[in-house]
C-alpha atoms as a PDB file:
ATOM      1  CA  MET A   1     128.149  51.845  10.045  1.00  0.00           C
ATOM      2  CA  ASN A   2     127.808  52.403   6.262  1.00  0.00           C
ATOM      3  CA  ASN A   3     129.436  55.195   4.364  1.00  0.00           C
ATOM      4  CA  ARG A   4     126.015  57.002   3.980  1.00  0.00           C
ATOM      5  CA  SER A   5     125.502  57.155   7.688  1.00  0.00           C
ATOM      6  CA  TYR A   6     128.912  58.028   8.433  1.00  0.00           C
ATOM      7  CA  GLY A   7     128.687  60.800   6.168  1.00  0.00           C
ATOM      8  CA  THR A   8     125.297  62.028   7.447  1.00  0.00           C
ATOM      9  CA  LEU A   9     126.889  62.105  11.109  1.00  0.00           C
ATOM     10  CA  GLY A  10     129.737  64.143   9.930  1.00  0.00           C
ATOM     11  CA  GLU A  11     127.287  66.656   8.479  1.00  0.00           C
ATOM     12  CA  GLU A  12     125.164  66.564  11.647  1.00  0.00           C
ATOM     13  CA  ALA A  13     128.549  67.329  13.522  1.00  0.00           C
ATOM     14  CA  ALA A  14     129.489  70.168  11.172  1.00  0.00           C
ATOM     15  CA  VAL A  15     125.907  71.943  11.305  1.00  0.00           C
ATOM     16  CA  SER A  16     126.257  71.974  15.258  1.00  0.00           C
ATOM     17  CA  TYR A  17     129.649  73.263  14.918  1.00  0.00           C
ATOM     18  CA  LEU A  18     128.680  76.031  12.253  1.00  0.00           C
ATOM     19  CA  VAL A  19     125.774  76.953  14.531  1.00  0.00           C
ATOM     20  CA  ARG A  20     127.992  77.290  17.420  1.00  0.00           C
ATOM     21  CA  HIS A  21     130.335  79.455  15.480  1.00  0.00           C
ATOM     22  CA  GLY A  22     127.606  82.107  14.726  1.00  0.00           C
ATOM     23  CA  TYR A  23     126.570  80.592  11.182  1.00  0.00           C
ATOM     24  CA  LYS A  24     122.957  80.634  10.140  1.00  0.00           C
ATOM     25  CA  ILE A  25     121.997  77.331   8.231  1.00  0.00           C
ATOM     26  CA  VAL A  26     119.826  78.541   4.976  1.00  0.00           C
ATOM     27  CA  THR A  27     119.819  74.879   3.593  1.00  0.00           C
ATOM     28  CA  ARG A  28     121.255  71.497   3.502  1.00  0.00           C
ATOM     29  CA  ASN A  29     121.760  69.201   0.497  1.00  0.00           C
ATOM     30  CA  PHE A  30     121.026  71.458  -2.029  1.00  0.00           C
ATOM     31  CA  ARG A  31     120.827  69.307  -5.311  1.00  0.00           C
ATOM     32  CA  VAL A  32     120.723  70.245  -8.945  1.00  0.00           C
ATOM     33  CA  GLY A  33     119.748  67.230 -10.987  1.00  0.00           C
ATOM     34  CA  ARG A  34     122.493  65.169 -11.786  1.00  0.00           C
ATOM     35  CA  MET A  35     125.118  67.898 -11.566  1.00  0.00           C
ATOM     36  CA  GLY A  36     125.444  66.974  -7.753  1.00  0.00           C
ATOM     37  CA  GLU A  37     124.845  68.785  -4.418  1.00  0.00           C
ATOM     38  CA  ILE A  38     126.172  71.155  -1.910  1.00  0.00           C
ATOM     39  CA  ASP A  39     126.113  69.736   1.616  1.00  0.00           C
ATOM     40  CA  ILE A  40     125.340  72.900   3.374  1.00  0.00           C
ATOM     41  CA  ILE A  41     124.524  76.613   2.442  1.00  0.00           C
ATOM     42  CA  GLY A  42     124.689  78.978   5.174  1.00  0.00           C
ATOM     43  CA  LYS A  43     125.255  82.614   6.246  1.00  0.00           C
ATOM     44  CA  ASP A  44     128.207  83.714   8.083  1.00  0.00           C
ATOM     45  CA  GLY A  45     127.129  87.748   8.685  1.00  0.00           C
ATOM     46  CA  ASP A  46     126.250  89.058   5.240  1.00  0.00           C
ATOM     47  CA  THR A  47     128.319  86.265   3.684  1.00  0.00           C
ATOM     48  CA  LEU A  48     126.630  83.405   2.007  1.00  0.00           C
ATOM     49  CA  CYS A  49     128.686  80.529   2.362  1.00  0.00           C
ATOM     50  CA  PHE A  50     128.707  77.394   0.344  1.00  0.00           C
ATOM     51  CA  ILE A  51     129.979  74.588   2.615  1.00  0.00           C
ATOM     52  CA  GLU A  52     131.338  71.111   1.750  1.00  0.00           C
ATOM     53  CA  VAL A  53     131.716  68.568   4.391  1.00  0.00           C
ATOM     54  CA  LYS A  54     134.388  65.838   4.508  1.00  0.00           C
ATOM     55  CA  SER A  55     134.382  63.219   7.116  1.00  0.00           C
ATOM     56  CA  ARG A  56     137.338  60.640   7.616  1.00  0.00           C
ATOM     57  CA  SER A  57     138.562  58.232  10.287  1.00  0.00           C
ATOM     58  CA  ASN A  58     142.024  59.355  10.194  1.00  0.00           C
ATOM     59  CA  TYR A  59     144.549  61.219   8.393  1.00  0.00           C
ATOM     60  CA  SER A  60     146.442  58.331   6.485  1.00  0.00           C
ATOM     61  CA  PHE A  61     145.520  59.403   2.989  1.00  0.00           C
ATOM     62  CA  GLY A  62     145.711  63.279   3.835  1.00  0.00           C
ATOM     63  CA  SER A  63     143.362  66.117   5.330  1.00  0.00           C
ATOM     64  CA  PRO A  64     139.751  65.549   4.445  1.00  0.00           C
ATOM     65  CA  ALA A  65     139.951  68.831   2.576  1.00  0.00           C
ATOM     66  CA  GLN A  66     142.611  67.233   0.252  1.00  0.00           C
ATOM     67  CA  ALA A  67     139.659  65.091  -1.080  1.00  0.00           C
ATOM     68  CA  VAL A  68     137.856  68.003  -2.480  1.00  0.00           C
ATOM     69  CA  SER A  69     139.248  67.845  -5.936  1.00  0.00           C
ATOM     70  CA  SER A  70     139.414  70.596  -8.649  1.00  0.00           C
ATOM     71  CA  GLN A  71     136.535  68.986 -10.565  1.00  0.00           C
ATOM     72  CA  LYS A  72     134.443  68.916  -7.187  1.00  0.00           C
ATOM     73  CA  GLN A  73     135.295  72.441  -6.734  1.00  0.00           C
ATOM     74  CA  ALA A  74     134.044  73.201 -10.180  1.00  0.00           C
ATOM     75  CA  THR A  75     130.896  71.452  -9.574  1.00  0.00           C
ATOM     76  CA  ILE A  76     130.168  73.301  -6.216  1.00  0.00           C
ATOM     77  CA  THR A  77     130.902  76.440  -7.928  1.00  0.00           C
ATOM     78  CA  LYS A  78     128.270  75.618 -10.809  1.00  0.00           C
ATOM     79  CA  ILE A  79     125.598  74.584  -8.295  1.00  0.00           C
ATOM     80  CA  ALA A  80     126.109  77.599  -6.153  1.00  0.00           C
ATOM     81  CA  GLN A  81     125.312  79.874  -9.191  1.00  0.00           C
ATOM     82  CA  VAL A  82     122.163  77.817  -9.726  1.00  0.00           C
ATOM     83  CA  TYR A  83     121.341  78.602  -6.099  1.00  0.00           C
ATOM     84  CA  MET A  84     122.263  82.145  -6.134  1.00  0.00           C
ATOM     85  CA  GLN A  85     120.168  82.766  -9.371  1.00  0.00           C
ATOM     86  CA  ASN A  86     116.956  80.917  -8.174  1.00  0.00           C
ATOM     87  CA  ASN A  87     117.213  82.698  -5.009  1.00  0.00           C
ATOM     88  CA  GLN A  88     118.195  86.297  -6.151  1.00  0.00           C
ATOM     89  CA  TYR A  89     121.358  86.620  -4.595  1.00  0.00           C
ATOM     90  CA  PHE A  90     122.683  89.217  -6.804  1.00  0.00           C
ATOM     91  CA  ASN A  91     125.145  91.498  -5.068  1.00  0.00           C
ATOM     92  CA  THR A  92     125.707  89.268  -1.873  1.00  0.00           C
ATOM     93  CA  PRO A  93     129.383  88.230  -0.655  1.00  0.00           C
ATOM     94  CA  VAL A  94     129.985  84.594  -1.470  1.00  0.00           C
ATOM     95  CA  ARG A  95     132.774  82.041   0.308  1.00  0.00           C
ATOM     96  CA  PHE A  96     133.421  78.510  -0.217  1.00  0.00           C
ATOM     97  CA  ASP A  97     134.150  76.779   2.941  1.00  0.00           C
ATOM     98  CA  ILE A  98     135.111  73.046   3.963  1.00  0.00           C
ATOM     99  CA  VAL A  99     134.409  71.260   7.162  1.00  0.00           C
ATOM    100  CA  GLU A 100     136.771  68.747   8.134  1.00  0.00           C
ATOM    101  CA  VAL A 101     135.496  66.064  10.383  1.00  0.00           C
ATOM    102  CA  ILE A 102     137.741  63.291  11.967  1.00  0.00           C
ATOM    103  CA  MET A 103     135.628  60.800  13.653  1.00  0.00           C
ATOM    104  CA  ASP A 104     135.783  56.915  14.490  1.00  0.00           C
ATOM    105  CA  ARG A 105     133.502  54.419  12.684  1.00  0.00           C
ATOM    106  CA  THR A 106     131.160  54.556  15.840  1.00  0.00           C
ATOM    107  CA  GLY A 107     130.786  58.376  15.384  1.00  0.00           C
ATOM    108  CA  ASN A 108     132.880  59.795  18.152  1.00  0.00           C
ATOM    109  CA  ILE A 109     134.210  63.031  17.100  1.00  0.00           C
ATOM    110  CA  LYS A 110     138.089  63.353  17.212  1.00  0.00           C
ATOM    111  CA  ASP A 111     138.607  66.485  15.206  1.00  0.00           C
ATOM    112  CA  LEU A 112     136.502  69.139  13.627  1.00  0.00           C
ATOM    113  CA  SER A 113     137.607  72.249  11.971  1.00  0.00           C
ATOM    114  CA  ILE A 114     136.359  74.808   9.162  1.00  0.00           C
ATOM    115  CA  ILE A 115     138.777  76.128   6.280  1.00  0.00           C
ATOM    116  CA  GLN A 116     137.030  79.317   5.187  1.00  0.00           C
ATOM    117  CA  ASN A 117     137.641  80.533   1.731  1.00  0.00           C
ATOM    118  CA  ALA A 118     139.005  76.981   0.718  1.00  0.00           C
ATOM    119  CA  PHE A 119     138.831  77.644  -2.748  1.00  0.00           C
END
C-alpha cells in the first residue's frame, strides 16, 4: 500500500472514531492554496475542532503526534483562521486536536486515540 492510501485509511478510521465519540464532521481536507490543508474540521458540542490525523505503523520513531512539528502547528493555525473568517465563526470556541492512528501496512488498526487541545 502506498503512503497516500495508507494516510487515507487512517483518516477514514479517524472520522469513524470521532463520530462514535460524538463529533460532528463539518468538512474534510480543507485546503488553502499552497499553504496546506487541515485533515478534518469538526464540532465537539459548541467547540470547532481542527484535527490533524497522523498514521504510523508503530512507535519506533515516537508517537504519531510527535510528528506534528511546531511549523505544521503554525500552518494549521493559519489555515484555521482562514476557515473561520470565510465561514464567519467569530465567537466560537476553538480547539486543535490530533488523532493518532497505529495500523499495519494492510490497514488493520492496532491503536487509535485522540489528543484534545494538542497545541
